[in-house]
Amino acid sequence: MSYSQLAQLEFMNAINSINSESELNDFRDMLARYFAQKAQKSIDALWDQGVINSDTIEEWGEEHMRTPYQYEANRP
């Protein structure tokens, strides 16, 4: 069995134990904290390696990465 399949089983077991909206909210918060911590560790590693610095973060804050809409070009 792969790690992905094992993770799915563990996830399903955890979901089966949720019995209220409060528990569901707690579960969501736990998952959000877990992935936020993973992201923070990755960012910290990039910082420590010198890949990013405060200037990089400032640049990210000024980026506009929205997908341009092209309604007129796609109209028949």
PDB file of N, CA and C in Angstrom:
ATOM      1  N   MET A   1       0.851  -1.172   0.000  1.00  0.00           N
ATOM      2  CA  MET A   1       0.000   0.000   0.000  1.00  0.00           C
ATOM      3  C   MET A   1       0.901   1.240   0.000  1.00  0.00           C
ATOM      4  N   SER A   2       0.560   2.229  -0.819  1.00  0.00           N
ATOM      5  CA  SER A   2       1.382   3.440  -0.913  1.00  0.00           C
ATOM      6  C   SER A   2       1.101   4.371   0.267  1.00  0.00           C
ATOM      7  N   TYR A   3       2.010   5.323   0.446  1.00  0.00           N
ATOM      8  CA  TYR A   3       1.806   6.309   1.515  1.00  0.00           C
ATOM      9  C   TYR A   3       0.556   7.124   1.258  1.00  0.00           C
ATOM     10  N   SER A   4       0.276   7.392  -0.001  1.00  0.00           N
ATOM     11  CA  SER A   4      -0.930   8.139  -0.347  1.00  0.00           C
ATOM     12  C   SER A   4      -2.184   7.364   0.067  1.00  0.00           C
ATOM     13  N   GLN A   5      -2.190   6.077  -0.198  1.00  0.00           N
ATOM     14  CA  GLN A   5      -3.337   5.248   0.181  1.00  0.00           C
ATOM     15  C   GLN A   5      -3.463   5.155   1.698  1.00  0.00           C
ATOM     16  N   LEU A   6      -2.341   5.012   2.384  1.00  0.00           N
ATOM     17  CA  LEU A   6      -2.374   4.982   3.851  1.00  0.00           C
ATOM     18  C   LEU A   6      -2.892   6.298   4.409  1.00  0.00           C
ATOM     19  N   ALA A   7      -2.455   7.398   3.808  1.00  0.00           N
ATOM     20  CA  ALA A   7      -2.919   8.720   4.253  1.00  0.00           C
ATOM     21  C   ALA A   7      -4.423   8.849   4.059  1.00  0.00           C
ATOM     22  N   GLN A   8      -4.910   8.353   2.926  1.00  0.00           N
ATOM     23  CA  GLN A   8      -6.355   8.413   2.673  1.00  0.00           C
ATOM     24  C   GLN A   8      -7.133   7.620   3.721  1.00  0.00           C
ATOM     25  N   LEU A   9      -6.633   6.457   4.086  1.00  0.00           N
ATOM     26  CA  LEU A   9      -7.300   5.657   5.120  1.00  0.00           C
ATOM     27  C   LEU A   9      -7.298   6.385   6.462  1.00  0.00           C
ATOM     28  N   GLU A  10      -6.163   6.953   6.819  1.00  0.00           N
ATOM     29  CA  GLU A  10      -6.084   7.697   8.083  1.00  0.00           C
ATOM     30  C   GLU A  10      -7.037   8.886   8.069  1.00  0.00           C
ATOM     31  N   PHE A  11      -7.089   9.553   6.932  1.00  0.00           N
ATOM     32  CA  PHE A  11      -7.965  10.713   6.791  1.00  0.00           C
ATOM     33  C   PHE A  11      -9.428  10.296   6.943  1.00  0.00           C
ATOM     34  N   MET A  12      -9.798   9.202   6.297  1.00  0.00           N
ATOM     35  CA  MET A  12     -11.176   8.719   6.396  1.00  0.00           C
ATOM     36  C   MET A  12     -11.518   8.300   7.829  1.00  0.00           C
ATOM     37  N   ASN A  13     -10.578   7.670   8.510  1.00  0.00           N
ATOM     38  CA  ASN A  13     -10.807   7.303   9.906  1.00  0.00           C
ATOM     39  C   ASN A  13     -11.014   8.543  10.764  1.00  0.00           C
ATOM     40  N   ALA A  14     -10.242   9.575  10.508  1.00  0.00           N
ATOM     41  CA  ALA A  14     -10.387  10.814  11.280  1.00  0.00           C
ATOM     42  C   ALA A  14     -11.747  11.450  10.995  1.00  0.00           C
ATOM     43  N   ILE A  15     -12.137  11.472   9.738  1.00  0.00           N
ATOM     44  CA  ILE A  15     -13.421  12.068   9.371  1.00  0.00           C
ATOM     45  C   ILE A  15     -14.581  11.320  10.013  1.00  0.00           C
ATOM     46  N   ASN A  16     -14.478  10.015  10.097  1.00  0.00           N
ATOM     47  CA  ASN A  16     -15.555   9.222  10.685  1.00  0.00           C
ATOM     48  C   ASN A  16     -15.781   9.523  12.156  1.00  0.00           C
ATOM     49  N   SER A  17     -14.791  10.106  12.809  1.00  0.00           N
ATOM     50  CA  SER A  17     -14.950  10.402  14.231  1.00  0.00           C
ATOM     51  C   SER A  17     -15.521  11.795  14.479  1.00  0.00           C
ATOM     52  N   ILE A  18     -15.767  12.568  13.433  1.00  0.00           N
ATOM     53  CA  ILE A  18     -16.333  13.912  13.585  1.00  0.00           C
ATOM     54  C   ILE A  18     -17.834  13.797  13.785  1.00  0.00           C
ATOM     55  N   ASN A  19     -18.303  14.367  14.897  1.00  0.00           N
ATOM     56  CA  ASN A  19     -19.714  14.232  15.254  1.00  0.00           C
ATOM     57  C   ASN A  19     -20.455  15.547  15.402  1.00  0.00           C
ATOM     58  N   SER A  20     -19.775  16.675  15.159  1.00  0.00           N
ATOM     59  CA  SER A  20     -20.449  17.955  15.324  1.00  0.00           C
ATOM     60  C   SER A  20     -19.768  19.011  14.464  1.00  0.00           C
ATOM     61  N   GLU A  21     -20.450  20.119  14.303  1.00  0.00           N
ATOM     62  CA  GLU A  21     -19.882  21.227  13.535  1.00  0.00           C
ATOM     63  C   GLU A  21     -18.629  21.763  14.223  1.00  0.00           C
ATOM     64  N   SER A  22     -18.646  21.772  15.531  1.00  0.00           N
ATOM     65  CA  SER A  22     -17.490  22.229  16.297  1.00  0.00           C
ATOM     66  C   SER A  22     -16.272  21.345  16.038  1.00  0.00           C
ATOM     67  N   GLU A  23     -16.478  20.041  16.034  1.00  0.00           N
ATOM     68  CA  GLU A  23     -15.372  19.117  15.745  1.00  0.00           C
ATOM     69  C   GLU A  23     -14.886  19.269  14.312  1.00  0.00           C
ATOM     70  N   LEU A  24     -15.817  19.507  13.383  1.00  0.00           N
ATOM     71  CA  LEU A  24     -15.431  19.724  12.001  1.00  0.00           C
ATOM     72  C   LEU A  24     -14.576  20.985  11.876  1.00  0.00           C
ATOM     73  N   ASN A  25     -14.979  22.053  12.557  1.00  0.00           N
ATOM     74  CA  ASN A  25     -14.199  23.288  12.537  1.00  0.00           C
ATOM     75  C   ASN A  25     -12.822  23.081  13.146  1.00  0.00           C
ATOM     76  N   ASP A  26     -12.754  22.322  14.231  1.00  0.00           N
ATOM     77  CA  ASP A  26     -11.458  22.012  14.847  1.00  0.00           C
ATOM     78  C   ASP A  26     -10.571  21.222  13.894  1.00  0.00           C
ATOM     79  N   PHE A  27     -11.168  20.279  13.172  1.00  0.00           N
ATOM     80  CA  PHE A  27     -10.428  19.465  12.215  1.00  0.00           C
ATOM     81  C   PHE A  27      -9.884  20.340  11.083  1.00  0.00           C
ATOM     82  N   ARG A  28     -10.717  21.230  10.568  1.00  0.00           N
ATOM     83  CA  ARG A  28     -10.277  22.153   9.518  1.00  0.00           C
ATOM     84  C   ARG A  28      -9.126  23.028  10.013  1.00  0.00           C
ATOM     85  N   ASP A  29      -9.268  23.540  11.233  1.00  0.00           N
ATOM     86  CA  ASP A  29      -8.205  24.381  11.808  1.00  0.00           C
ATOM     87  C   ASP A  29      -6.907  23.606  11.948  1.00  0.00           C
ATOM     88  N   MET A  30      -7.013  22.346  12.375  1.00  0.00           N
ATOM     89  CA  MET A  30      -5.819  21.514  12.538  1.00  0.00           C
ATOM     90  C   MET A  30      -5.114  21.326  11.194  1.00  0.00           C
ATOM     91  N   LEU A  31      -5.882  21.033  10.153  1.00  0.00           N
ATOM     92  CA  LEU A  31      -5.292  20.866   8.826  1.00  0.00           C
ATOM     93  C   LEU A  31      -4.669  22.167   8.323  1.00  0.00           C
ATOM     94  N   ALA A  32      -5.352  23.268   8.536  1.00  0.00           N
ATOM     95  CA  ALA A  32      -4.819  24.567   8.107  1.00  0.00           C
ATOM     96  C   ALA A  32      -3.513  24.880   8.821  1.00  0.00           C
ATOM     97  N   ARG A  33      -3.463  24.629  10.137  1.00  0.00           N
ATOM     98  CA  ARG A  33      -2.219  24.862  10.890  1.00  0.00           C
ATOM     99  C   ARG A  33      -1.091  23.971  10.389  1.00  0.00           C
ATOM    100  N   TYR A  34      -1.396  22.718  10.102  1.00  0.00           N
ATOM    101  CA  TYR A  34      -0.388  21.778   9.621  1.00  0.00           C
ATOM    102  C   TYR A  34       0.236  22.278   8.320  1.00  0.00           C
ATOM    103  N   PHE A  35      -0.608  22.642   7.357  1.00  0.00           N
ATOM    104  CA  PHE A  35      -0.074  23.077   6.068  1.00  0.00           C
ATOM    105  C   PHE A  35       0.583  24.452   6.163  1.00  0.00           C
ATOM    106  N   ALA A  36       0.107  25.306   7.038  1.00  0.00           N
ATOM    107  CA  ALA A  36       0.761  26.603   7.254  1.00  0.00           C
ATOM    108  C   ALA A  36       2.156  26.401   7.840  1.00  0.00           C
ATOM    109  N   GLN A  37       2.289  25.460   8.773  1.00  0.00           N
ATOM    110  CA  GLN A  37       3.607  25.167   9.357  1.00  0.00           C
ATOM    111  C   GLN A  37       4.556  24.597   8.313  1.00  0.00           C
ATOM    112  N   LYS A  38       4.049  23.720   7.436  1.00  0.00           N
ATOM    113  CA  LYS A  38       4.893  23.180   6.355  1.00  0.00           C
ATOM    114  C   LYS A  38       5.366  24.298   5.437  1.00  0.00           C
ATOM    115  N   ALA A  39       4.462  25.196   5.085  1.00  0.00           N
ATOM    116  CA  ALA A  39       4.831  26.312   4.214  1.00  0.00           C
ATOM    117  C   ALA A  39       5.857  27.201   4.896  1.00  0.00           C
ATOM    118  N   GLN A  40       5.666  27.469   6.192  1.00  0.00           N
ATOM    119  CA  GLN A  40       6.604  28.322   6.923  1.00  0.00           C
ATOM    120  C   GLN A  40       7.992  27.694   6.983  1.00  0.00           C
ATOM    121  N   LYS A  41       8.055  26.387   7.202  1.00  0.00           N
ATOM    122  CA  LYS A  41       9.350  25.702   7.225  1.00  0.00           C
ATOM    123  C   LYS A  41      10.052  25.796   5.884  1.00  0.00           C
ATOM    124  N   SER A  42       9.287  25.662   4.803  1.00  0.00           N
ATOM    125  CA  SER A  42       9.883  25.773   3.464  1.00  0.00           C
ATOM    126  C   SER A  42      10.387  27.184   3.205  1.00  0.00           C
ATOM    127  N   ILE A  43       9.609  28.167   3.608  1.00  0.00           N
ATOM    128  CA  ILE A  43      10.026  29.565   3.439  1.00  0.00           C
ATOM    129  C   ILE A  43      11.268  29.854   4.273  1.00  0.00           C
ATOM    130  N   ASP A  44      11.289  29.351   5.501  1.00  0.00           N
ATOM    131  CA  ASP A  44      12.465  29.545   6.364  1.00  0.00           C
ATOM    132  C   ASP A  44      13.709  28.919   5.744  1.00  0.00           C
ATOM    133  N   ALA A  45      13.549  27.744   5.130  1.00  0.00           N
ATOM    134  CA  ALA A  45      14.689  27.083   4.492  1.00  0.00           C
ATOM    135  C   ALA A  45      15.194  27.915   3.317  1.00  0.00           C
ATOM    136  N   LEU A  46      14.290  28.455   2.512  1.00  0.00           N
ATOM    137  CA  LEU A  46      14.694  29.310   1.396  1.00  0.00           C
ATOM    138  C   LEU A  46      15.422  30.554   1.890  1.00  0.00           C
ATOM    139  N   TRP A  47      14.938  31.108   2.998  1.00  0.00           N
ATOM    140  CA  TRP A  47      15.576  32.288   3.592  1.00  0.00           C
ATOM    141  C   TRP A  47      16.992  31.934   4.058  1.00  0.00           C
ATOM    142  N   ASP A  48      17.104  30.819   4.776  1.00  0.00           N
ATOM    143  CA  ASP A  48      18.407  30.399   5.305  1.00  0.00           C
ATOM    144  C   ASP A  48      19.404  30.099   4.191  1.00  0.00           C
ATOM    145  N   GLN A  49      18.912  29.622   3.051  1.00  0.00           N
ATOM    146  CA  GLN A  49      19.779  29.313   1.915  1.00  0.00           C
ATOM    147  C   GLN A  49      20.106  30.552   1.083  1.00  0.00           C
ATOM    148  N   GLY A  50      19.486  31.669   1.402  1.00  0.00           N
ATOM    149  CA  GLY A  50      19.734  32.902   0.667  1.00  0.00           C
ATOM    150  C   GLY A  50      18.975  33.006  -0.638  1.00  0.00           C
ATOM    151  N   VAL A  51      18.020  32.106  -0.857  1.00  0.00           N
ATOM    152  CA  VAL A  51      17.237  32.140  -2.085  1.00  0.00           C
ATOM    153  C   VAL A  51      16.273  33.324  -2.081  1.00  0.00           C
ATOM    154  N   ILE A  52      15.713  33.623  -0.910  1.00  0.00           N
ATOM    155  CA  ILE A  52      14.840  34.789  -0.768  1.00  0.00           C
ATOM    156  C   ILE A  52      15.365  35.670   0.350  1.00  0.00           C
ATOM    157  N   ASN A  53      14.969  36.941   0.294  1.00  0.00           N
ATOM    158  CA  ASN A  53      15.325  37.898   1.345  1.00  0.00           C
ATOM    159  C   ASN A  53      14.187  38.903   1.473  1.00  0.00           C
ATOM    160  N   SER A  54      14.382  39.928   2.264  1.00  0.00           N
ATOM    161  CA  SER A  54      13.300  40.887   2.489  1.00  0.00           C
ATOM    162  C   SER A  54      12.904  41.601   1.198  1.00  0.00           C
ATOM    163  N   ASP A  55      13.860  41.820   0.300  1.00  0.00           N
ATOM    164  CA  ASP A  55      13.524  42.444  -0.985  1.00  0.00           C
ATOM    165  C   ASP A  55      12.607  41.546  -1.809  1.00  0.00           C
ATOM    166  N   THR A  56      12.876  40.247  -1.798  1.00  0.00           N
ATOM    167  CA  THR A  56      12.032  39.291  -2.523  1.00  0.00           C
ATOM    168  C   THR A  56      10.611  39.345  -2.003  1.00  0.00           C
ATOM    169  N   ILE A  57      10.472  39.371  -0.699  1.00  0.00           N
ATOM    170  CA  ILE A  57       9.143  39.388  -0.089  1.00  0.00           C
ATOM    171  C   ILE A  57       8.420  40.684  -0.429  1.00  0.00           C
ATOM    172  N   GLU A  58       9.133  41.799  -0.447  1.00  0.00           N
ATOM    173  CA  GLU A  58       8.536  43.075  -0.849  1.00  0.00           C
ATOM    174  C   GLU A  58       8.051  43.005  -2.291  1.00  0.00           C
ATOM    175  N   GLU A  59       8.850  42.396  -3.170  1.00  0.00           N
ATOM    176  CA  GLU A  59       8.456  42.240  -4.573  1.00  0.00           C
ATOM    177  C   GLU A  59       7.190  41.391  -4.686  1.00  0.00           C
ATOM    178  N   TRP A  60       7.110  40.311  -3.916  1.00  0.00           N
ATOM    179  CA  TRP A  60       5.919  39.460  -3.934  1.00  0.00           C
ATOM    180  C   TRP A  60       4.687  40.259  -3.532  1.00  0.00           C
ATOM    181  N   GLY A  61       4.852  41.130  -2.557  1.00  0.00           N
ATOM    182  CA  GLY A  61       3.725  41.930  -2.084  1.00  0.00           C
ATOM    183  C   GLY A  61       3.202  42.898  -3.117  1.00  0.00           C
ATOM    184  N   GLU A  62       4.018  43.227  -4.099  1.00  0.00           N
ATOM    185  CA  GLU A  62       3.623  44.187  -5.127  1.00  0.00           C
ATOM    186  C   GLU A  62       3.191  43.511  -6.433  1.00  0.00           C
ATOM    187  N   GLU A  63       3.300  42.177  -6.508  1.00  0.00           N
ATOM    188  CA  GLU A  63       2.936  41.466  -7.724  1.00  0.00           C
ATOM    189  C   GLU A  63       1.424  41.397  -7.888  1.00  0.00           C
ATOM    190  N   HIS A  64       1.009  41.452  -9.133  1.00  0.00           N
ATOM    191  CA  HIS A  64      -0.399  41.261  -9.484  1.00  0.00           C
ATOM    192  C   HIS A  64      -0.436  40.093 -10.451  1.00  0.00           C
ATOM    193  N   MET A  65      -0.829  38.947  -9.941  1.00  0.00           N
ATOM    194  CA  MET A  65      -0.760  37.726 -10.743  1.00  0.00           C
ATOM    195  C   MET A  65      -2.144  37.242 -11.170  1.00  0.00           C
ATOM    196  N   ARG A  66      -3.055  38.154 -11.351  1.00  0.00           N
ATOM    197  CA  ARG A  66      -4.391  37.773 -11.787  1.00  0.00           C
ATOM    198  C   ARG A  66      -4.371  37.357 -13.246  1.00  0.00           C
ATOM    199  N   THR A  67      -5.238  36.447 -13.568  1.00  0.00           N
ATOM    200  CA  THR A  67      -5.381  36.020 -14.954  1.00  0.00           C
ATOM    201  C   THR A  67      -6.158  37.094 -15.703  1.00  0.00           C
ATOM    202  N   PRO A  68      -5.595  37.607 -16.789  1.00  0.00           N
ATOM    203  CA  PRO A  68      -6.341  38.628 -17.546  1.00  0.00           C
ATOM    204  C   PRO A  68      -7.541  37.997 -18.240  1.00  0.00           C
ATOM    205  N   TYR A  69      -8.656  38.661 -18.155  1.00  0.00           N
ATOM    206  CA  TYR A  69      -9.861  38.165 -18.811  1.00  0.00           C
ATOM    207  C   TYR A  69      -9.911  38.723 -20.217  1.00  0.00           C
ATOM    208  N   GLN A  70     -10.271  37.879 -21.144  1.00  0.00           N
ATOM    209  CA  GLN A  70     -10.315  38.293 -22.537  1.00  0.00           C
ATOM    210  C   GLN A  70     -11.689  37.978 -23.112  1.00  0.00           C
ATOM    211  N   TYR A  71     -12.715  38.595 -22.529  1.00  0.00           N
ATOM    212  CA  TYR A  71     -14.076  38.311 -22.967  1.00  0.00           C
ATOM    213  C   TYR A  71     -14.279  38.707 -24.428  1.00  0.00           C
ATOM    214  N   GLU A  72     -13.814  39.872 -24.805  1.00  0.00           N
ATOM    215  CA  GLU A  72     -14.044  40.363 -26.151  1.00  0.00           C
ATOM    216  C   GLU A  72     -13.393  39.449 -27.190  1.00  0.00           C
ATOM    217  N   ALA A  73     -12.186  38.967 -26.907  1.00  0.00           N
ATOM    218  CA  ALA A  73     -11.478  38.136 -27.867  1.00  0.00           C
ATOM    219  C   ALA A  73     -12.118  36.759 -28.020  1.00  0.00           C
ATOM    220  N   ASN A  74     -12.825  36.298 -27.000  1.00  0.00           N
ATOM    221  CA  ASN A  74     -13.398  34.955 -27.040  1.00  0.00           C
ATOM    222  C   ASN A  74     -14.863  34.941 -27.489  1.00  0.00           C
ATOM    223  N   ARG A  75     -15.420  36.089 -27.746  1.00  0.00           N
ATOM    224  CA  ARG A  75     -16.830  36.141 -28.168  1.00  0.00           C
ATOM    225  C   ARG A  75     -16.943  35.763 -29.628  1.00  0.00           C
ATOM    226  N   PRO A  76     -18.017  35.053 -29.968  1.00  0.00           N
ATOM    227  CA  PRO A  76     -18.238  34.657 -31.383  1.00  0.00           C
ATOM    228  C   PRO A  76     -18.640  35.833 -32.253  1.00  0.00           C
TER     229      PRO A  76
END
